[in-house]
């Protein structure tokens, strides 16, 4: 029996005889995980009443997914080897909140040590919980209802996803390796676009397990924020369907993000992201990836210097509203005074009013309080929510200063 799970949904692969699980970010769960469940192992969660650390060593997930990408991990399905086009044979992971699907790519099957995920671009209007393939057509059917906050426009429903035969505009394979990150597409890529390092951004960060709800982003030196990575180059496979992004200073890390904006050979825009966890640094088998020989020099020089995007966003209530809808705020906090289906207080009428806390004096919800509540939500917990098992994650290191201030401006517009 596996233990240390908070609110898991399960998936099973008949081919690999493998049981997997999602879980929910929360106390002791710093972000959204993809677990491979095995008998007798502990997966990290302990109730808020538990003061002692688990007696068993924590088994880390195969891959972490940023909470902003998958807010509420739900069911998983291992698709059959045929019937679903370029998704056939893949594990697909459901997000209840957004709602969305992500592909999960495990390495070294049948005993994976880590994995990568790629968000899929399909849009749905139901809050998904479970998935099943039709026994004859093999098309994917998704269903669910609102068990907690969701951006879905409908309360419940059933939808079908089927292949159309057109080339995918997303990666059909993703792997993290010692020298960098590999993406494969099911159509040829434009050489000039795909081999330009300026068309990729790579950053990495760790999370922290704690009694606090969720986690911010932290560098390998345990400073708040992320680390932008230098790139040696981007190299196309012989068939021009795969691209290897060579990354400087490889190290084990809980989360690495690759954002790409390239073109296909037919000049269609391909843009998106992939997410990796590095428990170890696998050696790169260039021929297995599709290269006739290693494309990199033994001692490469940096082609792209890490800097990351500057915090140049203009502070505005409009940006704040966009962040409210995309960063998970909407799942717990309404903007119209309602509380139905929400586990947190409404944001309507919050600014300028007095707040009563479980500990400490009452405080007026001014701009400083709002900023503190976004970055350090556990410092002041409302009296009415002191006994709740559901808390608010910190956005320290996740949002820029301009984004935090924009959220504050948006909250101040809600009456």
Protein backbone atom coordinates (compact mmCIF):
# COMPACT_ATOMS: atom_id res chain seq x y z
CA UNK A 1 0.00 0.00 0.00
CA UNK A 2 1.33 3.44 -0.95
CA UNK A 3 0.92 6.31 1.55
CA UNK A 4 1.57 10.06 1.70
CA UNK A 5 -0.98 11.19 -0.89
CA UNK A 6 -3.25 14.19 -0.34
CA UNK A 7 -6.11 14.04 -2.88
CA UNK A 8 -5.00 11.68 -5.63
CA UNK A 9 -6.66 10.53 -8.84
CA UNK A 10 -5.32 7.29 -10.28
CA UNK A 11 -4.34 5.98 -13.70
CA UNK A 12 -3.29 2.51 -14.80
CA UNK A 13 -1.22 1.22 -17.72
CA UNK A 14 -2.09 -2.34 -18.67
CA UNK A 15 0.92 -2.47 -20.99
CA UNK A 16 3.42 -1.60 -18.26
CA UNK A 17 1.35 -2.81 -15.26
CA UNK A 18 1.97 0.64 -13.79
CA UNK A 19 -0.21 2.60 -11.36
CA UNK A 20 0.13 6.39 -11.47
CA UNK A 21 -1.40 9.22 -9.47
CA UNK A 22 -1.95 12.93 -9.55
CA UNK A 23 -2.20 14.98 -6.37
CA UNK A 24 -3.19 18.48 -5.27
CA UNK A 25 -0.80 21.25 -4.31
CA UNK A 26 -1.16 22.04 -0.61
CA UNK A 27 0.51 21.42 2.73
CA UNK A 28 3.69 19.41 2.11
CA UNK A 29 2.84 19.22 -1.62
CA UNK A 30 4.68 22.19 -3.19
CA UNK A 31 3.29 21.87 -6.72
CA UNK A 32 1.36 19.45 -8.95
CA UNK A 33 3.05 15.99 -9.13
CA UNK A 34 2.93 12.95 -11.39
CA UNK A 35 3.58 9.88 -9.22
CA UNK A 36 4.47 6.29 -10.04
CA UNK A 37 2.86 4.36 -7.18
CA UNK A 38 4.58 1.34 -5.67
CA UNK A 39 3.81 -0.70 -2.61
CA UNK A 40 5.15 0.55 0.71
CA UNK A 41 6.43 3.93 -0.47
CA UNK A 42 5.66 7.37 1.01
CA UNK A 43 4.87 10.20 -1.42
CA UNK A 44 5.37 13.22 0.81
CA UNK A 45 2.03 14.38 2.20
CA UNK A 46 1.34 14.48 5.90
CA UNK A 47 -1.69 16.00 7.54
CA UNK A 48 -1.37 19.45 9.11
CA UNK A 49 -1.75 17.78 12.53
CA UNK A 50 1.30 15.59 11.96
CA UNK A 51 4.35 17.17 13.53
CA UNK A 52 6.84 14.41 13.01
CA UNK A 53 8.44 13.87 9.61
CA UNK A 54 7.52 10.59 7.88
CA UNK A 55 9.54 7.62 9.10
CA UNK A 56 9.97 6.49 5.50
CA UNK A 57 12.06 8.39 2.99
CA UNK A 58 9.90 10.45 0.65
CA UNK A 59 9.61 9.13 -2.90
CA UNK A 60 9.66 12.16 -5.19
CA UNK A 61 7.34 12.34 -8.21
CA UNK A 62 8.56 11.45 -11.66
CA UNK A 63 7.90 15.05 -12.66
CA UNK A 64 6.59 18.22 -11.10
CA UNK A 65 4.22 20.49 -13.03
CA UNK A 66 4.01 24.20 -12.15
CA UNK A 67 0.75 25.03 -10.38
CA UNK A 68 0.10 27.76 -12.95
CA UNK A 69 0.16 25.08 -15.69
CA UNK A 70 -1.89 22.36 -13.94
CA UNK A 71 -3.85 23.78 -11.03
CA UNK A 72 -5.93 20.73 -10.08
CA UNK A 73 -4.48 17.40 -11.19
CA UNK A 74 -7.22 14.85 -11.89
CA UNK A 75 -7.35 11.50 -13.71
CA UNK A 76 -4.78 10.01 -16.06
CA UNK A 77 -5.28 7.70 -19.00
CA UNK A 78 -2.76 5.58 -20.91
CA UNK A 79 -3.94 5.70 -24.49
CA UNK A 80 -3.91 2.58 -26.65
CA UNK A 81 -1.21 2.17 -29.27
CA UNK A 82 -3.59 3.19 -32.07
CA UNK A 83 -6.70 5.26 -32.65
CA UNK A 84 -5.59 8.63 -31.27
CA UNK A 85 -3.08 9.79 -33.87
CA UNK A 86 0.10 11.30 -32.47
CA UNK A 87 -1.21 10.84 -28.89
CA UNK A 88 -1.48 7.06 -29.27
CA UNK A 89 0.49 5.15 -26.66
CA UNK A 90 0.96 8.24 -24.46
CA UNK A 91 -0.08 8.95 -20.91
CA UNK A 92 -2.44 11.95 -20.79
CA UNK A 93 -3.01 13.84 -17.53
CA UNK A 94 -6.19 15.86 -16.83
CA UNK A 95 -6.41 19.30 -15.22
CA UNK A 96 -9.80 19.96 -13.61
CA UNK A 97 -9.31 23.70 -13.16
CA UNK A 98 -8.21 25.11 -16.51
CA UNK A 99 -9.48 22.62 -17.95
CA UNK A 100 -6.71 21.13 -20.09
CA UNK A 101 -4.71 18.02 -20.97
CA UNK A 102 -0.96 17.47 -20.76
CA UNK A 103 1.10 14.68 -22.30
CA UNK A 104 3.46 12.87 -19.94
CA UNK A 105 6.71 11.42 -21.36
CA UNK A 106 8.50 8.99 -19.06
CA UNK A 107 12.08 7.93 -19.58
CA UNK A 108 13.65 4.46 -19.27
CA UNK A 109 10.44 2.43 -19.39
CA UNK A 110 9.42 0.17 -17.74
CA UNK A 111 11.31 1.62 -14.74
CA UNK A 112 11.30 5.40 -15.23
CA UNK A 113 13.35 7.70 -13.03
CA UNK A 114 11.93 11.00 -14.29
CA UNK A 115 9.59 12.47 -16.87
CA UNK A 116 8.61 15.54 -18.87
CA UNK A 117 5.21 17.05 -19.65
CA UNK A 118 3.85 19.07 -22.57
CA UNK A 119 0.61 21.09 -22.23
CA UNK A 120 -1.73 20.30 -25.12
CA UNK A 121 -3.49 23.18 -26.92
CA UNK A 122 -7.04 21.76 -26.91
CA UNK A 123 -9.77 23.87 -25.28
CA UNK A 124 -12.64 22.37 -23.27
CA UNK A 125 -15.69 23.82 -21.54
CA UNK A 126 -16.26 21.10 -18.92
CA UNK A 127 -14.35 20.51 -15.62
CA UNK A 128 -12.64 17.23 -16.45
CA UNK A 129 -12.09 14.45 -13.91
CA UNK A 130 -11.94 11.16 -15.83
CA UNK A 131 -11.22 9.87 -19.34
CA UNK A 132 -11.92 6.69 -21.27
CA UNK A 133 -11.32 5.42 -24.81
CA UNK A 134 -14.19 4.11 -26.90
CA UNK A 135 -13.71 0.35 -27.34
CA UNK A 136 -14.31 0.50 -31.12
CA UNK A 137 -13.27 3.94 -32.43
CA UNK A 138 -10.55 4.43 -29.77
CA UNK A 139 -11.57 8.11 -29.56
CA UNK A 140 -11.04 9.77 -26.18
CA UNK A 141 -14.08 10.71 -24.07
CA UNK A 142 -13.64 13.14 -21.17
CA UNK A 143 -16.14 13.79 -18.41
CA UNK A 144 -16.47 15.54 -15.07
CA UNK A 145 -18.34 17.99 -12.90
CA UNK A 146 -17.29 20.82 -10.60
CA UNK A 147 -16.07 19.28 -7.37
CA UNK A 148 -14.07 22.45 -6.59
CA UNK A 149 -13.05 25.61 -8.42
CA UNK A 150 -12.76 25.43 -12.20
CA UNK A 151 -12.53 27.86 -15.10
CA UNK A 152 -14.88 25.64 -17.12
CA UNK A 153 -17.94 27.42 -18.45
CA UNK A 154 -20.15 24.38 -17.82
CA UNK A 155 -20.84 22.63 -14.51
CA UNK A 156 -20.65 19.14 -16.01
CA UNK A 157 -20.56 17.32 -19.32
CA UNK A 158 -18.98 14.81 -21.69
CA UNK A 159 -16.74 15.75 -24.63
CA UNK A 160 -14.94 13.76 -27.31
CA UNK A 161 -11.40 14.23 -28.62
CA UNK A 162 -10.49 12.54 -31.90
CA UNK A 163 -7.60 12.78 -34.37
CA UNK A 164 -8.09 14.84 -37.52
CA UNK A 165 -5.02 13.66 -39.44
CA UNK A 166 -3.46 17.14 -39.57
CA UNK A 167 0.09 17.63 -38.22
CA UNK A 168 0.26 18.48 -34.55
CA UNK A 169 1.38 21.97 -33.51
CA UNK A 170 2.82 20.62 -30.26
CA UNK A 171 5.72 18.26 -29.39
CA UNK A 172 4.98 14.53 -29.56
CA UNK A 173 8.05 13.68 -27.48
CA UNK A 174 10.04 15.49 -24.77
CA UNK A 175 13.11 14.39 -22.81
CA UNK A 176 15.56 15.93 -20.41
CA UNK A 177 19.17 14.79 -20.92
CA UNK A 178 22.64 15.59 -19.64
CA UNK A 179 23.43 18.08 -22.39
CA UNK A 180 19.99 19.67 -22.69
CA UNK A 181 16.35 19.32 -23.68
CA UNK A 182 14.89 17.42 -26.63
CA UNK A 183 11.57 18.02 -28.39
CA UNK A 184 10.21 16.02 -31.31
CA UNK A 185 7.39 17.12 -33.62
CA UNK A 186 5.41 15.10 -36.18
CA UNK A 187 6.24 17.52 -39.00
CA UNK A 188 9.53 18.95 -40.35
CA UNK A 189 10.75 22.20 -38.82
CA UNK A 190 12.08 25.32 -40.51
CA UNK A 191 15.87 25.15 -40.09
CA UNK A 192 16.51 28.88 -39.69
CA UNK A 193 13.82 29.26 -37.05
CA UNK A 194 14.38 26.04 -35.12
CA UNK A 195 18.18 26.41 -34.93
CA UNK A 196 18.07 30.00 -33.64
CA UNK A 197 18.80 29.92 -29.86
CA UNK A 198 16.97 33.25 -29.48
CA UNK A 199 13.72 31.37 -30.12
CA UNK A 200 14.02 29.48 -26.82
CA UNK A 201 13.96 30.47 -23.17
CA UNK A 202 14.97 28.04 -20.44
CA UNK A 203 14.70 28.59 -16.70
CA UNK A 204 14.90 26.32 -13.67
CA UNK A 205 13.85 26.40 -10.04
CA UNK A 206 13.22 24.26 -6.98
CA UNK A 207 10.22 24.05 -4.67
CA UNK A 208 10.21 23.68 -0.89
CA UNK A 209 8.13 21.12 0.99
CA UNK A 210 6.73 22.63 4.18
CA UNK A 211 3.64 22.94 6.38
CA UNK A 212 2.77 26.04 4.36
CA UNK A 213 0.32 25.67 1.51
CA UNK A 214 2.23 25.12 -1.75
CA UNK A 215 5.58 26.72 -2.50
CA UNK A 216 7.20 29.65 -4.19
CA UNK A 217 10.05 29.33 -6.70
CA UNK A 218 13.61 29.09 -5.41
CA UNK A 219 17.01 29.01 -7.08
CA UNK A 220 19.49 26.22 -6.47
CA UNK A 221 21.10 28.58 -3.92
CA UNK A 222 17.72 28.78 -2.11
CA UNK A 223 17.14 32.39 -3.07
CA UNK A 224 13.65 33.48 -4.08
CA UNK A 225 13.01 33.33 -7.84
CA UNK A 226 14.23 31.34 -10.84
CA UNK A 227 17.50 30.94 -12.72
CA UNK A 228 17.64 31.65 -16.46
CA UNK A 229 19.87 29.25 -18.35
CA UNK A 230 22.51 29.95 -20.96
CA UNK A 231 22.19 28.02 -24.22
CA UNK A 232 24.95 26.53 -26.36
CA UNK A 233 22.71 26.19 -29.39
CA UNK A 234 19.71 24.45 -30.95
CA UNK A 235 20.26 21.52 -33.32
CA UNK A 236 17.92 19.76 -35.76
CA UNK A 237 17.80 15.99 -36.18
CA UNK A 238 18.54 14.53 -39.60
CA UNK A 239 14.82 14.32 -40.46
CA UNK A 240 14.31 17.92 -39.16
CA UNK A 241 11.47 16.81 -36.90
CA UNK A 242 13.43 16.94 -33.66
CA UNK A 243 15.30 19.80 -32.01
CA UNK A 244 17.88 19.54 -29.22
CA UNK A 245 18.33 22.67 -27.09
CA UNK A 246 21.78 22.48 -25.49
CA UNK A 247 21.76 23.98 -21.98
CA UNK A 248 24.76 25.19 -19.97
CA UNK A 249 25.47 24.08 -16.40
CA UNK A 250 23.24 20.99 -16.13
CA UNK A 251 22.27 20.01 -12.58
CA UNK A 252 19.54 18.03 -10.88
CA UNK A 253 16.55 20.30 -10.25
CA UNK A 254 12.88 19.96 -9.42
CA UNK A 255 11.62 22.05 -12.34
CA UNK A 256 12.96 23.21 -15.68
CA UNK A 257 10.83 25.12 -18.19
CA UNK A 258 11.48 25.34 -21.92
CA UNK A 259 9.50 27.94 -23.84
CA UNK A 260 9.78 27.83 -27.63
CA UNK A 261 8.57 29.95 -30.54
CA UNK A 262 9.59 28.43 -33.86
CA UNK A 263 8.14 27.64 -37.30
CA UNK A 264 7.38 24.47 -39.17
CA UNK A 265 8.78 23.84 -42.63
CA UNK A 266 5.43 25.05 -44.00
CA UNK A 267 5.93 28.29 -42.00
CA UNK A 268 3.20 27.61 -39.43
CA UNK A 269 3.95 29.09 -36.01
CA UNK A 270 4.74 26.53 -33.32
CA UNK A 271 4.84 28.01 -29.84
CA UNK A 272 4.41 26.51 -26.42
CA UNK A 273 6.27 25.08 -23.44
CA UNK A 274 7.53 21.87 -21.89
CA UNK A 275 8.40 21.05 -18.27
CA UNK A 276 11.04 18.69 -16.93
CA UNK A 277 12.24 17.27 -13.62
CA UNK A 278 15.87 16.15 -13.31
CA UNK A 279 16.50 13.52 -10.63
CA UNK A 280 19.60 12.52 -12.58
CA UNK A 281 21.37 13.56 -15.81
CA UNK A 282 20.96 10.80 -18.42
CA UNK A 283 23.67 10.43 -21.03
CA UNK A 284 22.58 11.57 -24.49
CA UNK A 285 22.29 8.87 -27.16
CA UNK A 286 22.49 11.06 -30.25
CA UNK A 287 21.69 8.29 -32.72
CA UNK A 288 18.58 7.27 -30.77
CA UNK A 289 17.37 10.88 -30.99
CA UNK A 290 17.85 10.96 -34.76
CA UNK A 291 21.32 12.48 -35.23
CA UNK A 292 23.85 10.69 -37.44
CA UNK A 293 26.59 12.24 -35.27
CA UNK A 294 26.83 14.45 -32.21
CA UNK A 295 25.93 18.02 -33.28
CA UNK A 296 27.80 19.75 -30.44
CA UNK A 297 31.47 20.55 -30.00
CA UNK A 298 33.13 18.96 -26.99
CA UNK A 299 33.81 22.42 -25.59
CA UNK A 300 30.97 24.63 -26.86
CA UNK A 301 30.66 28.34 -26.21
CA UNK A 302 27.49 30.11 -25.19
CA UNK A 303 25.27 31.18 -28.07
CA UNK A 304 22.64 32.73 -25.82
CA UNK A 305 23.44 34.47 -22.52
CA UNK A 306 20.85 33.96 -19.77
CA UNK A 307 19.01 37.09 -18.77
CA UNK A 308 15.30 36.32 -18.74
CA UNK A 309 12.54 38.73 -19.67
CA UNK A 310 12.76 42.08 -17.93
CA UNK A 311 9.90 43.09 -15.65
CA UNK A 312 8.62 45.71 -18.08
CA UNK A 313 4.89 44.98 -17.91
CA UNK A 314 2.79 48.05 -17.28
CA UNK A 315 0.91 47.89 -13.99
CA UNK A 316 -2.82 47.82 -14.73
CA UNK A 317 -6.10 46.44 -13.45
CA UNK A 318 -6.58 44.80 -16.86
CA UNK A 319 -3.39 42.77 -16.40
CA UNK A 320 -4.52 41.98 -12.87
CA UNK A 321 -7.82 40.60 -14.16
CA UNK A 322 -5.96 38.42 -16.67
CA UNK A 323 -3.76 37.04 -13.88
CA UNK A 324 -6.82 36.45 -11.67
CA UNK A 325 -8.29 34.27 -14.41
CA UNK A 326 -5.12 32.40 -15.42
CA UNK A 327 -3.06 31.96 -12.23
CA UNK A 328 -5.63 30.05 -10.20
CA UNK A 329 -7.10 32.92 -8.11
CA UNK A 330 -10.52 32.44 -9.68
CA UNK A 331 -10.76 28.86 -8.44
CA UNK A 332 -10.97 29.93 -4.78
CA UNK A 333 -11.98 33.61 -4.81
CA UNK A 334 -14.97 35.06 -6.64
CA UNK A 335 -14.93 38.63 -7.96
CA UNK A 336 -18.68 39.24 -7.53
CA UNK A 337 -19.37 38.63 -3.84
CA UNK A 338 -20.52 35.02 -4.24
CA UNK A 339 -19.03 32.15 -2.23
CA UNK A 340 -20.78 29.14 -3.78
CA UNK A 341 -18.24 26.56 -4.90
CA UNK A 342 -15.33 28.63 -3.51
CA UNK A 343 -13.03 27.77 -0.61
CA UNK A 344 -11.71 31.30 -0.05
CA UNK A 345 -13.24 34.72 0.62
CA UNK A 346 -14.59 36.82 -2.23
CA UNK A 347 -12.36 39.61 -3.51
CA UNK A 348 -15.36 41.90 -4.06
CA UNK A 349 -15.41 44.68 -1.49
CA UNK A 350 -12.14 43.46 0.05
CA UNK A 351 -9.97 46.55 -0.50
CA UNK A 352 -10.33 49.18 2.20
CA UNK A 353 -12.33 47.02 4.61
CA UNK A 354 -11.22 45.69 7.99
CA UNK A 355 -10.08 42.05 8.25
CA UNK A 356 -10.15 39.89 11.40
CA UNK A 357 -7.46 37.26 11.83
CA UNK A 358 -6.99 34.09 13.84
CA UNK A 359 -3.96 35.73 15.44
CA UNK A 360 -3.08 39.40 15.82
CA UNK A 361 -4.96 42.65 15.51
CA UNK A 362 -7.53 43.52 12.87
CA UNK A 363 -6.08 45.20 9.77
CA UNK A 364 -7.50 47.34 7.00
CA UNK A 365 -7.03 45.69 3.60
CA UNK A 366 -4.80 48.34 2.06
CA UNK A 367 -2.31 47.84 -0.78
CA UNK A 368 0.42 46.57 1.57
CA UNK A 369 -1.92 43.97 3.08
CA UNK A 370 -3.01 42.80 -0.37
CA UNK A 371 0.61 42.41 -1.52
CA UNK A 372 1.49 40.48 1.64
CA UNK A 373 -1.52 38.20 1.17
CA UNK A 374 -0.35 37.34 -2.36
CA UNK A 375 3.30 36.77 -1.48
CA UNK A 376 3.02 35.44 2.11
CA UNK A 377 -0.58 34.28 2.58
CA UNK A 378 0.15 32.26 5.73
CA UNK A 379 1.27 35.34 7.72
CA UNK A 380 -2.28 36.59 8.30
CA UNK A 381 -5.00 33.93 8.15
CA UNK A 382 -8.61 35.11 8.38
CA UNK A 383 -10.44 33.98 11.51
CA UNK A 384 -13.22 32.41 9.42
CA UNK A 385 -10.71 30.21 7.56
CA UNK A 386 -8.33 29.29 10.39
CA UNK A 387 -9.58 25.70 10.63
CA UNK A 388 -9.69 25.02 6.88
CA UNK A 389 -7.56 22.22 5.44
CA UNK A 390 -7.27 24.24 2.22
CA UNK A 391 -4.90 27.18 2.18
CA UNK A 392 -3.49 29.60 -0.35
CA UNK A 393 -0.14 29.00 -2.06
CA UNK A 394 2.52 31.68 -2.03
CA UNK A 395 3.26 33.47 -5.30
CA UNK A 396 6.69 34.60 -4.10
CA UNK A 397 9.14 34.07 -6.94
CA UNK A 398 6.24 33.13 -9.22
CA UNK A 399 4.86 36.59 -10.06
CA UNK A 400 6.90 39.67 -10.91
CA UNK A 401 6.53 42.87 -8.93
CA UNK A 402 4.49 44.40 -11.77
CA UNK A 403 2.16 41.40 -11.80
CA UNK A 404 1.64 41.53 -8.03
CA UNK A 405 0.88 45.25 -8.19
CA UNK A 406 -1.49 44.67 -11.11
CA UNK A 407 -3.41 42.11 -9.05
CA UNK A 408 -3.65 44.65 -6.25
CA UNK A 409 -5.00 47.26 -8.68
CA UNK A 410 -7.60 44.81 -9.98
CA UNK A 411 -8.75 43.85 -6.47
CA UNK A 412 -9.17 47.56 -5.66
CA UNK A 413 -11.65 47.89 -8.55
CA UNK A 414 -13.96 45.20 -7.16
CA UNK A 415 -16.81 46.61 -5.11
